[in-house]
N, C-alpha and C. Protein backbone atom coordinates (compact mmCIF):
# COMPACT_ATOMS: atom_id res chain seq x y z
N MET A 1 0.86 -1.17 0.00
CA MET A 1 0.00 0.00 0.00
C MET A 1 0.90 1.23 0.00
N TRP A 2 0.50 2.25 -0.75
CA TRP A 2 1.25 3.50 -0.76
C TRP A 2 0.27 4.67 -0.77
N SER A 3 0.78 5.88 -0.49
CA SER A 3 -0.04 7.08 -0.43
C SER A 3 0.20 7.94 -1.66
N THR A 4 -0.85 8.64 -2.06
CA THR A 4 -0.76 9.56 -3.20
C THR A 4 -1.80 10.66 -3.01
N THR A 5 -1.63 11.75 -3.71
CA THR A 5 -2.62 12.82 -3.70
C THR A 5 -3.14 12.99 -5.12
N PHE A 6 -4.25 13.70 -5.25
CA PHE A 6 -4.81 13.94 -6.57
C PHE A 6 -5.32 15.35 -6.65
N ASN A 7 -5.46 15.85 -7.86
CA ASN A 7 -5.88 17.22 -8.08
C ASN A 7 -7.31 17.29 -8.60
N ILE A 8 -7.66 18.39 -9.23
CA ILE A 8 -9.06 18.66 -9.55
C ILE A 8 -9.66 17.79 -10.65
N ASP A 9 -8.88 16.95 -11.29
CA ASP A 9 -9.49 16.08 -12.32
C ASP A 9 -10.03 14.78 -11.73
N TYR A 10 -9.97 14.62 -10.40
CA TYR A 10 -10.56 13.47 -9.69
C TYR A 10 -9.87 12.14 -9.93
N HIS A 11 -8.67 12.14 -10.42
CA HIS A 11 -7.99 10.89 -10.75
C HIS A 11 -6.64 10.76 -10.05
N ILE A 12 -6.29 9.52 -9.74
CA ILE A 12 -4.95 9.20 -9.23
C ILE A 12 -4.25 8.35 -10.28
N ASP A 13 -2.94 8.47 -10.32
CA ASP A 13 -2.13 7.73 -11.27
C ASP A 13 -1.64 6.45 -10.60
N VAL A 14 -2.04 5.33 -11.14
CA VAL A 14 -1.61 4.02 -10.64
C VAL A 14 -0.99 3.28 -11.81
N GLU A 15 0.32 3.19 -11.80
CA GLU A 15 1.06 2.52 -12.87
C GLU A 15 0.65 3.04 -14.25
N ARG A 16 0.54 4.36 -14.37
CA ARG A 16 0.26 5.09 -15.61
C ARG A 16 -1.15 4.88 -16.16
N HIS A 17 -2.05 4.39 -15.32
CA HIS A 17 -3.47 4.38 -15.64
C HIS A 17 -4.12 5.26 -14.58
N PHE A 18 -5.19 5.97 -14.94
CA PHE A 18 -5.77 6.96 -14.04
C PHE A 18 -7.15 6.51 -13.57
N TYR A 19 -7.34 6.48 -12.25
CA TYR A 19 -8.58 6.03 -11.63
C TYR A 19 -9.23 7.19 -10.88
N SER A 20 -10.55 7.31 -11.01
CA SER A 20 -11.25 8.39 -10.34
C SER A 20 -11.41 8.11 -8.85
N VAL A 21 -11.52 9.20 -8.10
CA VAL A 21 -11.79 9.16 -6.67
C VAL A 21 -12.83 10.25 -6.38
N PRO A 22 -13.56 10.16 -5.28
CA PRO A 22 -14.61 11.15 -4.99
C PRO A 22 -14.07 12.59 -4.93
N HIS A 23 -14.76 13.50 -5.61
CA HIS A 23 -14.31 14.89 -5.71
C HIS A 23 -14.17 15.59 -4.37
N ARG A 24 -14.89 15.17 -3.36
CA ARG A 24 -14.84 15.85 -2.06
C ARG A 24 -13.46 15.75 -1.42
N LEU A 25 -12.61 14.88 -1.93
CA LEU A 25 -11.28 14.69 -1.35
C LEU A 25 -10.16 15.31 -2.18
N ILE A 26 -10.51 16.26 -3.04
CA ILE A 26 -9.50 16.93 -3.87
C ILE A 26 -8.39 17.46 -2.98
N HIS A 27 -7.17 17.23 -3.38
CA HIS A 27 -5.93 17.65 -2.70
C HIS A 27 -5.67 16.88 -1.40
N GLN A 28 -6.45 15.88 -1.09
CA GLN A 28 -6.23 15.05 0.09
C GLN A 28 -5.29 13.89 -0.28
N THR A 29 -4.73 13.28 0.73
CA THR A 29 -3.89 12.10 0.53
C THR A 29 -4.76 10.86 0.69
N VAL A 30 -4.61 9.94 -0.25
CA VAL A 30 -5.32 8.66 -0.17
C VAL A 30 -4.29 7.55 -0.23
N ASP A 31 -4.67 6.39 0.26
CA ASP A 31 -3.82 5.20 0.20
C ASP A 31 -4.37 4.28 -0.87
N VAL A 32 -3.46 3.60 -1.55
CA VAL A 32 -3.83 2.72 -2.65
C VAL A 32 -3.27 1.33 -2.39
N ARG A 33 -4.12 0.33 -2.60
CA ARG A 33 -3.69 -1.07 -2.48
C ARG A 33 -4.05 -1.78 -3.77
N LEU A 34 -3.06 -2.44 -4.36
CA LEU A 34 -3.26 -3.16 -5.62
C LEU A 34 -3.32 -4.66 -5.39
N SER A 35 -4.15 -5.30 -6.18
CA SER A 35 -4.10 -6.75 -6.29
C SER A 35 -4.00 -7.05 -7.79
N ALA A 36 -4.02 -8.29 -8.16
CA ALA A 36 -3.93 -8.64 -9.57
C ALA A 36 -5.15 -8.12 -10.36
N THR A 37 -6.29 -7.95 -9.68
CA THR A 37 -7.52 -7.59 -10.38
C THR A 37 -8.18 -6.30 -9.90
N THR A 38 -7.72 -5.72 -8.80
CA THR A 38 -8.39 -4.54 -8.25
C THR A 38 -7.41 -3.44 -7.84
N VAL A 39 -7.96 -2.23 -7.77
CA VAL A 39 -7.27 -1.07 -7.20
C VAL A 39 -8.20 -0.57 -6.10
N GLU A 40 -7.75 -0.64 -4.85
CA GLU A 40 -8.55 -0.17 -3.72
C GLU A 40 -8.02 1.17 -3.27
N VAL A 41 -8.93 2.11 -3.01
CA VAL A 41 -8.56 3.46 -2.59
C VAL A 41 -9.11 3.69 -1.18
N PHE A 42 -8.23 4.11 -0.27
CA PHE A 42 -8.58 4.34 1.14
C PHE A 42 -8.29 5.78 1.53
N HIS A 43 -9.08 6.32 2.44
CA HIS A 43 -8.82 7.63 3.04
C HIS A 43 -8.96 7.49 4.54
N ARG A 44 -7.87 7.76 5.25
CA ARG A 44 -7.85 7.64 6.72
C ARG A 44 -8.35 6.28 7.19
N GLY A 45 -7.93 5.24 6.48
CA GLY A 45 -8.25 3.88 6.88
C GLY A 45 -9.60 3.35 6.40
N THR A 46 -10.41 4.20 5.79
CA THR A 46 -11.71 3.78 5.28
C THR A 46 -11.63 3.57 3.78
N ARG A 47 -12.09 2.40 3.33
CA ARG A 47 -12.07 2.13 1.90
C ARG A 47 -13.14 2.96 1.21
N LEU A 48 -12.70 3.77 0.24
CA LEU A 48 -13.61 4.64 -0.49
C LEU A 48 -14.20 3.96 -1.71
N TRP A 49 -13.34 3.24 -2.43
CA TRP A 49 -13.77 2.70 -3.70
C TRP A 49 -12.86 1.55 -4.11
N VAL A 50 -13.42 0.65 -4.91
CA VAL A 50 -12.65 -0.42 -5.53
C VAL A 50 -12.90 -0.34 -7.03
N HIS A 51 -11.83 -0.22 -7.79
CA HIS A 51 -11.91 -0.23 -9.25
C HIS A 51 -11.39 -1.56 -9.76
N ARG A 52 -11.92 -2.01 -10.87
CA ARG A 52 -11.33 -3.15 -11.58
C ARG A 52 -10.01 -2.64 -12.15
N ARG A 53 -8.96 -3.38 -11.96
CA ARG A 53 -7.64 -2.96 -12.41
C ARG A 53 -7.52 -3.01 -13.93
N SER A 54 -6.89 -1.97 -14.48
CA SER A 54 -6.65 -1.90 -15.92
C SER A 54 -5.16 -1.72 -16.14
N HIS A 55 -4.65 -2.31 -17.19
CA HIS A 55 -3.24 -2.16 -17.54
C HIS A 55 -3.07 -1.29 -18.78
N GLN A 56 -4.12 -0.57 -19.15
CA GLN A 56 -4.07 0.32 -20.31
C GLN A 56 -3.28 1.57 -19.95
N VAL A 57 -2.09 1.71 -20.46
CA VAL A 57 -1.24 2.87 -20.18
C VAL A 57 -1.90 4.12 -20.75
N GLY A 58 -2.02 5.13 -19.91
CA GLY A 58 -2.61 6.39 -20.33
C GLY A 58 -4.13 6.39 -20.35
N GLY A 59 -4.74 5.28 -19.96
CA GLY A 59 -6.20 5.19 -19.95
C GLY A 59 -6.80 5.77 -18.68
N PHE A 60 -8.10 5.92 -18.70
CA PHE A 60 -8.84 6.47 -17.56
C PHE A 60 -9.97 5.52 -17.20
N THR A 61 -10.14 5.29 -15.90
CA THR A 61 -11.30 4.59 -15.37
C THR A 61 -12.02 5.61 -14.50
N THR A 62 -13.18 6.05 -14.94
CA THR A 62 -13.89 7.15 -14.29
C THR A 62 -15.30 6.73 -13.92
N VAL A 63 -15.67 7.03 -12.69
CA VAL A 63 -17.03 6.79 -12.19
C VAL A 63 -17.70 8.16 -12.10
N ALA A 64 -18.83 8.34 -12.79
CA ALA A 64 -19.51 9.64 -12.85
C ALA A 64 -19.84 10.19 -11.47
N GLU A 65 -20.21 9.34 -10.54
CA GLU A 65 -20.58 9.84 -9.20
C GLU A 65 -19.39 10.42 -8.44
N HIS A 66 -18.18 10.19 -8.90
CA HIS A 66 -17.01 10.80 -8.27
C HIS A 66 -16.86 12.27 -8.64
N MET A 67 -17.49 12.70 -9.72
CA MET A 67 -17.36 14.07 -10.20
C MET A 67 -18.43 14.96 -9.59
N ARG A 68 -18.13 16.26 -9.58
CA ARG A 68 -19.15 17.22 -9.19
C ARG A 68 -20.30 17.12 -10.19
N THR A 69 -21.50 17.46 -9.80
CA THR A 69 -22.67 17.30 -10.65
C THR A 69 -22.51 18.01 -11.99
N ARG A 70 -22.04 19.25 -12.00
CA ARG A 70 -21.89 19.99 -13.25
C ARG A 70 -20.87 19.30 -14.16
N THR A 71 -19.77 18.87 -13.59
CA THR A 71 -18.75 18.20 -14.39
C THR A 71 -19.29 16.92 -14.99
N ALA A 72 -20.06 16.17 -14.23
CA ALA A 72 -20.62 14.91 -14.72
C ALA A 72 -21.56 15.16 -15.89
N ARG A 73 -22.29 16.26 -15.88
CA ARG A 73 -23.21 16.57 -16.97
C ARG A 73 -22.49 16.87 -18.27
N ILE A 74 -21.29 17.48 -18.18
CA ILE A 74 -20.59 17.85 -19.40
C ILE A 74 -19.53 16.81 -19.80
N TRP A 75 -19.34 15.81 -18.98
CA TRP A 75 -18.35 14.76 -19.27
C TRP A 75 -18.72 14.10 -20.59
N ASN A 76 -17.79 13.98 -21.50
CA ASN A 76 -18.12 13.50 -22.84
C ASN A 76 -18.12 11.99 -23.00
N GLY A 77 -17.78 11.26 -21.97
CA GLY A 77 -17.83 9.81 -22.04
C GLY A 77 -16.59 9.16 -22.62
N VAL A 78 -15.69 9.92 -23.19
CA VAL A 78 -14.49 9.35 -23.80
C VAL A 78 -13.63 8.66 -22.77
N ARG A 79 -13.53 9.23 -21.58
CA ARG A 79 -12.65 8.67 -20.57
C ARG A 79 -13.36 7.67 -19.66
N ARG A 80 -14.65 7.56 -19.75
CA ARG A 80 -15.38 6.68 -18.82
C ARG A 80 -15.14 5.23 -19.15
N ALA A 81 -15.04 4.45 -18.10
CA ALA A 81 -14.86 3.00 -18.28
C ALA A 81 -15.89 2.26 -17.46
């Protein structure tokens, strides 16, 4: 497990693939735990989300509910997985 922070695009970089995290934690530190099939994201010991792991370099795995409402409405779907 390791710690990382993320900025206003709601994503963390995990082995060059980008996973969304809840927008309310922008600029906060989160912990990440990897398995062969999942990426788990924790904040202060509480698991926030589990993503299916992707090995697509430069790809994005985005959950609409992680974005602010306005951002989710204009999201073009290109980055959603």
